[in-house]
Every structure is written in C-alpha cells, then in structure tokens.
Amino acid sequence: KNSGSSYVEKKKALGLVSICGLGIMFARATLFSLLVSAWGDTAVIDSALQSDDQCDAADAECSFNALQLRGFKEEMELEEGNEESEGWLKDISTKTKNHFKHILAPLQKPIVTNYQYLTVLDTYVNYTMRKIENATGRIVVWNRKSLLQEAEEETEESTEEDEEEVQNTWSRRRHVGKSEELPPRARYINKILIYLNKEMDAVWNLNTIVDRKRWGVGNTITSSPYGPHGEHPKRWRANVTVPFPTKAPSNPVLNLNNSLVMHMKPENRKYDNKYAQQLQADYASLIDNINDASKKCNDLRARLFKMDWYANKFIKLPSGVWNKIDAQS
C-alpha cells in the first residue's frame, strides 16, 4: 500500500513539473511575441531566430520559442504582401497629393484663356448677325431646334435613366467609385479635377453657342435666294429695326496671324498606387481637353471670318434676283 501511494505521489509530482514547465514556456513565448509586435522589426525577429537555430536538440523550450517566432514572421510577411497587392485600399501619399496640387493649379489659366477667346469670337459673330438682321429686317434665328433634334430629344428623354445608369457605371469604372468613396487625399485631388472639368464644360458650351450663331447667319443667307429682302424691293417692309453696326470689333484674338492653339504636354510620372494612376490619367485627359478646345476655337475663328465674307456678299446682292449663296458649304 505504501509503495502504491508513493507511486501515485510521484506521478502527481511529475504532472505538476510538466504543467509548470509548459506554463513557463508559454509565458516566455507570449512575452517574446508581444515584444516583437511592439517593435515590428523583422531584423529583431531574424536575430532571435538565428540564435534559436542554435538550440540543443534536448531543449524543448528553446525549440518551442523558435517555432513561435517563425510562425509570427511568416504571418507578418503575408500581411505585407497583401497590403502591396491591394493597392486600391491605399490612399495616395501626402507627397503625391502635393505634387498633383502643384501640377493642377496652373491649368485654370489656360481654361480661362480659352473662355476669353470665345467671348471675343462671340462679339464678332454678333457683329455679323446684326449686319444680316439689318439687311433682311428679320431676326436671325440661331437657337431654334429642328424637327430632327426634337425627335432625338424625345428619344433621349425616354432613355435618360438608362444612359444615366451607364454613365454612373462608367464613372465607377473610371474612378473606382464616387468621390465620397475615395480615401481622403485622393478625394481631395479628385474634387479639384471635377472643378476644372466643370470649367471646361463652360468653355465647350460657349463654343457651341458661338457656332450656332454662325450657323444661324449661314442659314438665313442660304434660305434667301432672292437677296436680303427675299422679295421685290418695292414690296419689302422691314419686320424689325436693327441698327447697322458701324464698327467691327477689334481684338488681337481676331488676328488670323495669331494662333490660338495650345500645345500643353502632361507631366508623365509613373505611380504604383492605383488611385494615383487614375488621377494621373484624368490629369492627362484634362490637358488633352484644353488643347482640343483651343484647336476648335482656332478653327471656329476661321469659319466666322468666312461667314462674315458671305454676309458682306449677301448684303450687296439686289433683291428680287435669284442669287442663291450656299453659306453652309
């Protein structure tokens, strides 16, 4: 009986020793892991692993610590790899943000310049339009919609919701999401781009207005084959009274020797960040848009001068005689 109880007591003692040993190893490993987490330095982990590689085969505690550290290092490397692969989740750096601010700020000046060009061209087409109105006694209709345009607008209204959905899809594909869904620094730059593009919309709208006025003048000339009055001079009565413009507008913009075309080139910089890549693409697209607007403005000026030449020729024609001028050719 004494020998039996002695055996049981020995087993309990061995169990307590084993539990205490495991507890000590776990405490040391946990403390080491916490220190590594605090430091976040892979060099420290590598140093610890190198020393643990020299563990004796019989030292179970040392081998256990080495195993813990190797697992922790592999987990850190995996997390770093995920961060690098998920570039869409990273905001642009402060340095990149400041660089975009630096290259976008000067773009407002050429946009305003394009708008000023068109303002001068608007005064010139108004001058031509008043000459035609004075000669014909009729207001030049330049903003009237044709039946074809009205039919097209009805079709557009019926499919407006579908187009809006497609446009939103395209926008999300281009910018990954709405501006509010972008991270803070990328959202800040995106808002600057949105503002500049809205200013470009105003440029294109004014370009359209000036060109429509030109078209209205040409349509009046072409639709009056019997001269400015459109009937025999003795039977002609003015429908409106329009004072004849005595002086043509004068501005360097109206000098055909002065080119209005801009040749801006975007800065070509490569980025790893996905948001920065998209912002760079939008920046380059804005530059192309500004250049294209200046080219269209230069072409429009030439067409306005040609239309004014048609207007002067039309005014001198006798009424009641067939002399059709195709001013839209």
Protein backbone atom coordinates (compact mmCIF):
# COMPACT_ATOMS: atom_id res chain seq x y z
CA LYS A 1 0.00 0.00 0.00
CA ASN A 2 2.83 2.34 0.92
CA SER A 3 4.57 1.58 -2.33
CA GLY A 4 1.31 2.22 -4.24
CA SER A 5 0.71 5.60 -2.61
CA SER A 6 4.36 6.53 -3.20
CA TYR A 7 3.91 5.75 -6.91
CA VAL A 8 0.79 7.95 -7.11
CA GLU A 9 2.53 10.83 -5.37
CA LYS A 10 5.45 10.59 -7.81
CA LYS A 11 3.05 10.73 -10.78
CA LYS A 12 1.35 13.84 -9.37
CA ALA A 13 4.73 15.48 -8.77
CA LEU A 14 5.82 14.75 -12.35
CA GLY A 15 2.50 16.16 -13.66
CA LEU A 16 2.96 19.37 -11.70
CA VAL A 17 6.51 19.73 -13.01
CA SER A 18 5.31 19.24 -16.60
CA ILE A 19 2.48 21.77 -16.19
CA CYS A 20 4.85 24.30 -14.62
CA GLY A 21 7.35 23.78 -17.44
CA LEU A 22 4.72 24.33 -20.11
CA GLY A 23 3.42 27.39 -18.27
CA ILE A 24 6.88 28.93 -18.15
CA MET A 25 7.49 28.22 -21.86
CA PHE A 26 4.10 29.71 -22.81
CA ALA A 27 4.72 32.81 -20.70
CA ARG A 28 8.14 33.36 -22.25
CA ALA A 29 6.86 32.80 -25.78
CA THR A 30 3.92 35.17 -25.22
CA LEU A 31 6.19 37.86 -23.79
CA PHE A 32 8.56 37.48 -26.73
CA SER A 33 5.66 37.73 -29.21
CA LEU A 34 4.39 40.89 -27.52
CA LEU A 35 7.83 42.45 -27.73
CA VAL A 36 8.08 41.58 -31.41
CA SER A 37 4.62 43.03 -32.04
CA ALA A 38 5.64 46.24 -30.30
CA TRP A 39 8.88 46.58 -32.24
CA GLY A 40 7.54 45.40 -35.67
CA ASP A 41 11.16 44.95 -36.74
CA THR A 42 11.90 41.91 -38.88
CA ALA A 43 15.60 42.35 -38.16
CA VAL A 44 14.90 41.64 -34.48
CA ILE A 45 12.93 38.54 -35.42
CA ASP A 46 15.69 37.30 -37.72
CA SER A 47 18.25 37.79 -34.95
CA ALA A 48 16.13 35.85 -32.50
CA LEU A 49 15.57 33.06 -35.00
CA GLN A 50 19.30 32.84 -35.70
CA SER A 51 20.03 32.36 -32.02
CA ASP A 52 17.21 29.82 -31.68
CA ASP A 53 18.66 27.83 -34.56
CA GLN A 54 21.49 27.01 -32.19
CA CYS A 55 19.11 25.33 -29.69
CA ASP A 56 20.10 21.95 -28.35
CA ALA A 57 18.01 19.08 -29.58
CA ALA A 58 17.04 18.26 -26.00
CA ASP A 59 15.93 21.84 -25.17
CA ALA A 60 12.20 21.66 -25.88
CA GLU A 61 11.52 25.18 -24.56
CA CYS A 62 14.08 26.75 -26.91
CA SER A 63 12.66 24.86 -29.91
CA PHE A 64 9.13 25.91 -28.99
CA ASN A 65 10.14 29.61 -28.94
CA ALA A 66 11.84 29.28 -32.33
CA LEU A 67 8.67 27.70 -33.76
CA GLN A 68 6.55 30.59 -32.42
CA LEU A 69 8.87 33.20 -33.94
CA ARG A 70 8.99 31.53 -37.35
CA GLY A 71 5.19 31.44 -37.49
CA PHE A 72 4.99 35.10 -36.47
CA LYS A 73 7.50 36.15 -39.14
CA GLU A 74 5.62 34.25 -41.87
CA GLU A 75 2.37 35.94 -40.79
CA MET A 76 3.99 39.40 -40.96
CA GLU A 77 5.37 38.72 -44.45
CA LEU A 78 1.94 37.54 -45.60
CA GLU A 79 0.25 40.72 -44.31
CA GLU A 80 2.83 42.92 -46.04
CA GLY A 81 2.27 41.04 -49.28
CA ASN A 82 -1.49 41.54 -49.02
CA GLU A 83 -1.05 45.28 -48.46
CA GLU A 84 1.13 45.55 -51.56
CA SER A 85 -1.32 43.57 -53.71
CA GLU A 86 -4.39 45.50 -52.55
CA GLY A 87 -3.26 48.85 -53.95
CA TRP A 88 -6.83 50.11 -54.26
CA LEU A 89 -7.11 50.18 -50.48
CA LYS A 90 -4.18 52.54 -50.01
CA ASP A 91 -4.58 56.29 -50.15
CA ILE A 92 -2.09 58.36 -52.12
CA SER A 93 0.80 59.74 -50.09
CA THR A 94 0.94 63.34 -48.89
CA LYS A 95 3.86 63.91 -51.26
CA THR A 96 1.79 62.67 -54.21
CA LYS A 97 -1.16 64.81 -53.16
CA ASN A 98 1.00 67.94 -53.00
CA HIS A 99 2.51 67.10 -56.39
CA PHE A 100 -0.94 66.84 -58.00
CA LYS A 101 -1.90 70.17 -56.43
CA HIS A 102 1.25 71.69 -57.90
CA ILE A 103 0.57 70.49 -61.48
CA LEU A 104 -3.20 71.13 -61.44
CA ALA A 105 -3.13 74.70 -60.11
CA PRO A 106 -1.69 76.25 -63.34
CA LEU A 107 -4.35 74.60 -65.52
CA GLN A 108 -7.06 77.08 -64.62
CA LYS A 109 -5.27 79.85 -66.54
CA PRO A 110 -5.40 78.15 -70.00
CA ILE A 111 -9.02 77.18 -69.34
CA VAL A 112 -9.93 80.82 -68.64
CA THR A 113 -7.90 81.87 -71.69
CA ASN A 114 -9.96 79.55 -73.92
CA TYR A 115 -13.14 81.07 -72.49
CA GLN A 116 -11.85 84.60 -73.16
CA TYR A 117 -11.05 83.65 -76.76
CA LEU A 118 -14.62 82.51 -77.25
CA THR A 119 -16.01 85.67 -75.63
CA VAL A 120 -14.20 87.73 -78.31
CA LEU A 121 -15.48 85.42 -81.05
CA ASP A 122 -18.99 85.83 -79.66
CA THR A 123 -18.78 89.59 -80.10
CA TYR A 124 -17.59 89.06 -83.69
CA VAL A 125 -20.43 86.71 -84.65
CA ASN A 126 -22.91 89.12 -83.05
CA TYR A 127 -21.48 91.84 -85.31
CA THR A 128 -22.05 89.66 -88.40
CA MET A 129 -25.51 88.70 -87.19
CA ARG A 130 -26.58 92.34 -86.75
CA LYS A 131 -25.48 93.14 -90.32
CA ILE A 132 -27.71 90.36 -91.67
CA GLU A 133 -30.63 91.40 -89.47
CA ASN A 134 -30.31 94.99 -90.66
CA ALA A 135 -30.27 93.90 -94.31
CA THR A 136 -33.18 91.44 -94.10
CA GLY A 137 -35.30 93.14 -91.47
CA ARG A 138 -35.62 89.80 -89.70
CA ILE A 139 -34.09 88.43 -86.54
CA VAL A 140 -31.56 85.69 -87.18
CA VAL A 141 -32.86 82.52 -85.57
CA TRP A 142 -29.91 80.58 -84.26
CA ASN A 143 -31.24 78.62 -81.30
CA ARG A 144 -34.28 77.03 -82.91
CA LYS A 145 -34.43 73.24 -82.78
CA SER A 146 -35.15 71.31 -85.91
CA LEU A 147 -37.78 68.57 -86.05
CA LEU A 148 -34.99 66.00 -86.15
CA GLN A 149 -33.45 67.45 -82.98
CA GLU A 150 -36.82 67.45 -81.22
CA ALA A 151 -37.35 63.79 -82.18
CA GLU A 152 -33.89 62.96 -80.95
CA GLU A 153 -34.54 64.74 -77.65
CA GLU A 154 -37.76 62.78 -77.13
CA THR A 155 -35.79 59.58 -77.64
CA GLU A 156 -33.11 60.82 -75.28
CA GLU A 157 -35.70 61.59 -72.59
CA SER A 158 -37.13 58.08 -72.86
CA THR A 159 -33.68 56.56 -72.39
CA GLU A 160 -32.31 59.14 -69.95
CA GLU A 161 -32.44 56.80 -66.98
CA ASP A 162 -30.61 54.05 -68.88
CA GLU A 163 -27.93 56.48 -70.04
CA GLU A 164 -27.52 57.82 -66.52
CA GLU A 165 -27.03 54.30 -65.24
CA VAL A 166 -24.45 53.58 -67.94
CA GLN A 167 -22.69 56.86 -67.20
CA ASN A 168 -22.58 56.09 -63.49
CA THR A 169 -21.20 52.65 -64.27
CA TRP A 170 -18.54 54.18 -66.49
CA SER A 171 -17.72 56.71 -63.77
CA ARG A 172 -17.34 54.00 -61.18
CA ARG A 173 -15.17 52.02 -63.53
CA ARG A 174 -13.00 55.04 -64.17
CA HIS A 175 -12.78 56.33 -60.62
CA VAL A 176 -13.50 53.08 -58.76
CA GLY A 177 -16.39 54.76 -57.03
CA LYS A 178 -17.97 58.08 -56.25
CA SER A 179 -15.77 60.85 -54.98
CA GLU A 180 -17.11 60.32 -51.46
CA GLU A 181 -15.92 56.71 -51.58
CA LEU A 182 -12.31 57.65 -52.29
CA PRO A 183 -9.79 57.90 -49.46
CA PRO A 184 -9.23 61.46 -48.18
CA ARG A 185 -6.16 62.58 -50.12
CA ALA A 186 -7.28 61.01 -53.40
CA ARG A 187 -10.75 62.52 -52.90
CA TYR A 188 -9.23 65.98 -52.42
CA ILE A 189 -7.37 65.81 -55.76
CA ASN A 190 -10.39 64.29 -57.49
CA LYS A 191 -12.53 67.27 -56.41
CA ILE A 192 -10.00 69.66 -57.96
CA LEU A 193 -10.20 67.70 -61.22
CA ILE A 194 -14.01 67.77 -61.11
CA TYR A 195 -13.98 71.55 -60.64
CA LEU A 196 -11.57 72.08 -63.55
CA ASN A 197 -13.63 69.82 -65.81
CA LYS A 198 -16.76 71.82 -64.94
CA GLU A 199 -14.95 74.94 -66.09
CA MET A 200 -14.11 73.14 -69.33
CA ASP A 201 -17.82 72.35 -69.73
CA ALA A 202 -18.48 76.11 -69.68
CA VAL A 203 -15.86 76.56 -72.40
CA TRP A 204 -17.49 73.96 -74.64
CA ASN A 205 -20.96 75.39 -74.02
CA LEU A 206 -19.84 78.84 -75.16
CA ASN A 207 -18.16 77.29 -78.19
CA THR A 208 -21.48 75.66 -79.09
CA ILE A 209 -23.38 78.95 -78.71
CA VAL A 210 -20.98 80.86 -80.97
CA ASP A 211 -21.05 78.13 -83.60
CA ARG A 212 -24.87 78.03 -83.52
CA LYS A 213 -24.99 81.77 -84.15
CA ARG A 214 -22.66 81.29 -87.11
CA TRP A 215 -24.94 78.56 -88.41
CA GLY A 216 -27.98 80.79 -87.95
CA VAL A 217 -26.38 83.50 -90.08
CA GLY A 218 -25.50 80.98 -92.78
CA ASN A 219 -29.00 79.52 -92.74
CA THR A 220 -30.53 82.99 -93.23
CA ILE A 221 -28.25 83.67 -96.20
CA THR A 222 -28.86 80.28 -97.84
CA SER A 223 -32.64 80.44 -97.34
CA SER A 224 -32.85 83.89 -99.00
CA PRO A 225 -32.04 83.19 -102.69
CA TYR A 226 -33.70 86.44 -103.85
CA GLY A 227 -31.39 88.65 -101.87
CA PRO A 228 -31.63 90.25 -98.42
CA HIS A 229 -35.29 91.25 -98.81
CA GLY A 230 -36.40 87.97 -100.26
CA GLU A 231 -38.91 89.80 -102.50
CA HIS A 232 -39.15 92.77 -104.78
CA PRO A 233 -37.65 95.87 -103.15
CA LYS A 234 -40.85 97.91 -103.69
CA ARG A 235 -42.92 95.41 -101.74
CA TRP A 236 -40.38 94.89 -98.94
CA ARG A 237 -41.20 96.06 -95.44
CA ALA A 238 -38.83 95.63 -92.53
CA ASN A 239 -40.15 93.35 -89.82
CA VAL A 240 -37.70 94.64 -87.23
CA THR A 241 -35.46 97.63 -86.92
CA VAL A 242 -31.86 96.66 -86.33
CA PRO A 243 -29.21 99.39 -86.33
CA PHE A 244 -26.37 98.64 -88.69
CA PRO A 245 -23.12 98.05 -86.83
CA THR A 246 -20.77 100.86 -87.74
CA LYS A 247 -17.55 99.35 -86.45
CA ALA A 248 -16.21 95.83 -86.46
CA PRO A 249 -14.81 94.54 -83.17
CA SER A 250 -11.06 94.77 -82.86
CA ASN A 251 -9.01 92.40 -80.76
CA PRO A 252 -5.70 90.50 -81.12
CA VAL A 253 -7.72 87.30 -80.92
CA LEU A 254 -9.31 88.25 -84.25
CA ASN A 255 -5.93 88.48 -85.96
CA LEU A 256 -5.62 85.35 -88.07
CA ASN A 257 -1.86 85.54 -87.78
CA ASN A 258 -2.14 84.86 -84.07
CA SER A 259 -2.65 81.16 -83.46
CA LEU A 260 -4.99 80.23 -80.63
CA VAL A 261 -3.82 76.61 -80.48
CA MET A 262 -2.22 75.45 -77.24
CA HIS A 263 0.39 72.72 -77.12
CA MET A 264 0.41 71.71 -73.48
CA LYS A 265 2.01 68.42 -72.52
CA PRO A 266 1.13 66.48 -69.37
CA GLU A 267 3.86 65.51 -66.98
CA ASN A 268 4.45 61.80 -67.39
CA ARG A 269 5.03 60.28 -63.98
CA LYS A 270 4.62 56.62 -63.06
CA TYR A 271 2.82 55.52 -59.90
CA ASP A 272 2.33 52.16 -58.20
CA ASN A 273 -0.74 53.31 -56.29
CA LYS A 274 -3.95 52.62 -58.22
CA TYR A 275 -5.63 55.88 -57.17
CA ALA A 276 -2.57 57.87 -58.23
CA GLN A 277 -2.55 56.09 -61.60
CA GLN A 278 -6.20 57.02 -62.22
CA LEU A 279 -5.67 60.62 -61.12
CA GLN A 280 -2.68 60.83 -63.46
CA ALA A 281 -4.85 59.54 -66.33
CA ASP A 282 -7.57 62.10 -65.53
CA TYR A 283 -4.96 64.87 -65.38
CA ALA A 284 -3.60 63.88 -68.82
CA SER A 285 -7.15 63.74 -70.19
CA LEU A 286 -7.80 67.28 -68.92
CA ILE A 287 -4.67 68.53 -70.69
CA ASP A 288 -5.89 66.94 -73.94
CA ASN A 289 -9.29 68.55 -73.45
CA ILE A 290 -7.75 72.01 -73.03
CA ASN A 291 -5.60 71.58 -76.14
CA ASP A 292 -8.56 70.32 -78.16
CA ALA A 293 -10.71 73.27 -77.06
CA SER A 294 -8.05 75.73 -78.20
CA LYS A 295 -7.79 73.99 -81.58
CA LYS A 296 -11.58 74.05 -82.03
CA CYS A 297 -11.56 77.72 -81.08
CA ASN A 298 -8.91 78.46 -83.71
CA ASP A 299 -10.94 76.58 -86.36
CA LEU A 300 -14.15 78.36 -85.32
CA ARG A 301 -12.48 81.75 -85.78
CA ALA A 302 -11.64 80.87 -89.39
CA ARG A 303 -15.24 79.79 -90.06
CA LEU A 304 -16.57 83.03 -88.55
CA PHE A 305 -14.40 85.11 -90.89
CA LYS A 306 -15.64 83.05 -93.83
CA MET A 307 -19.25 83.57 -92.74
CA ASP A 308 -18.69 87.33 -92.42
CA TRP A 309 -17.40 87.33 -96.00
CA TYR A 310 -20.59 85.56 -97.12
CA ALA A 311 -22.62 88.12 -95.16
CA ASN A 312 -20.96 91.08 -96.90
CA LYS A 313 -21.51 89.44 -100.29
CA PHE A 314 -25.15 88.72 -99.45
CA ILE A 315 -25.87 92.29 -98.30
CA LYS A 316 -24.68 93.74 -101.64
CA LEU A 317 -26.94 91.49 -103.74
CA PRO A 318 -30.02 93.04 -105.38
CA SER A 319 -33.35 91.83 -104.06
CA GLY A 320 -35.76 90.08 -106.39
CA VAL A 321 -32.96 88.45 -108.39
CA TRP A 322 -32.03 84.82 -107.95
CA ASN A 323 -28.56 84.73 -106.46
CA LYS A 324 -28.52 81.87 -104.05
CA ILE A 325 -25.46 81.65 -101.82
CA ASP A 326 -24.71 78.34 -100.16
CA ALA A 327 -23.17 79.71 -96.99
CA GLN A 328 -23.18 76.32 -95.27
CA SER A 329 -20.75 74.72 -97.66
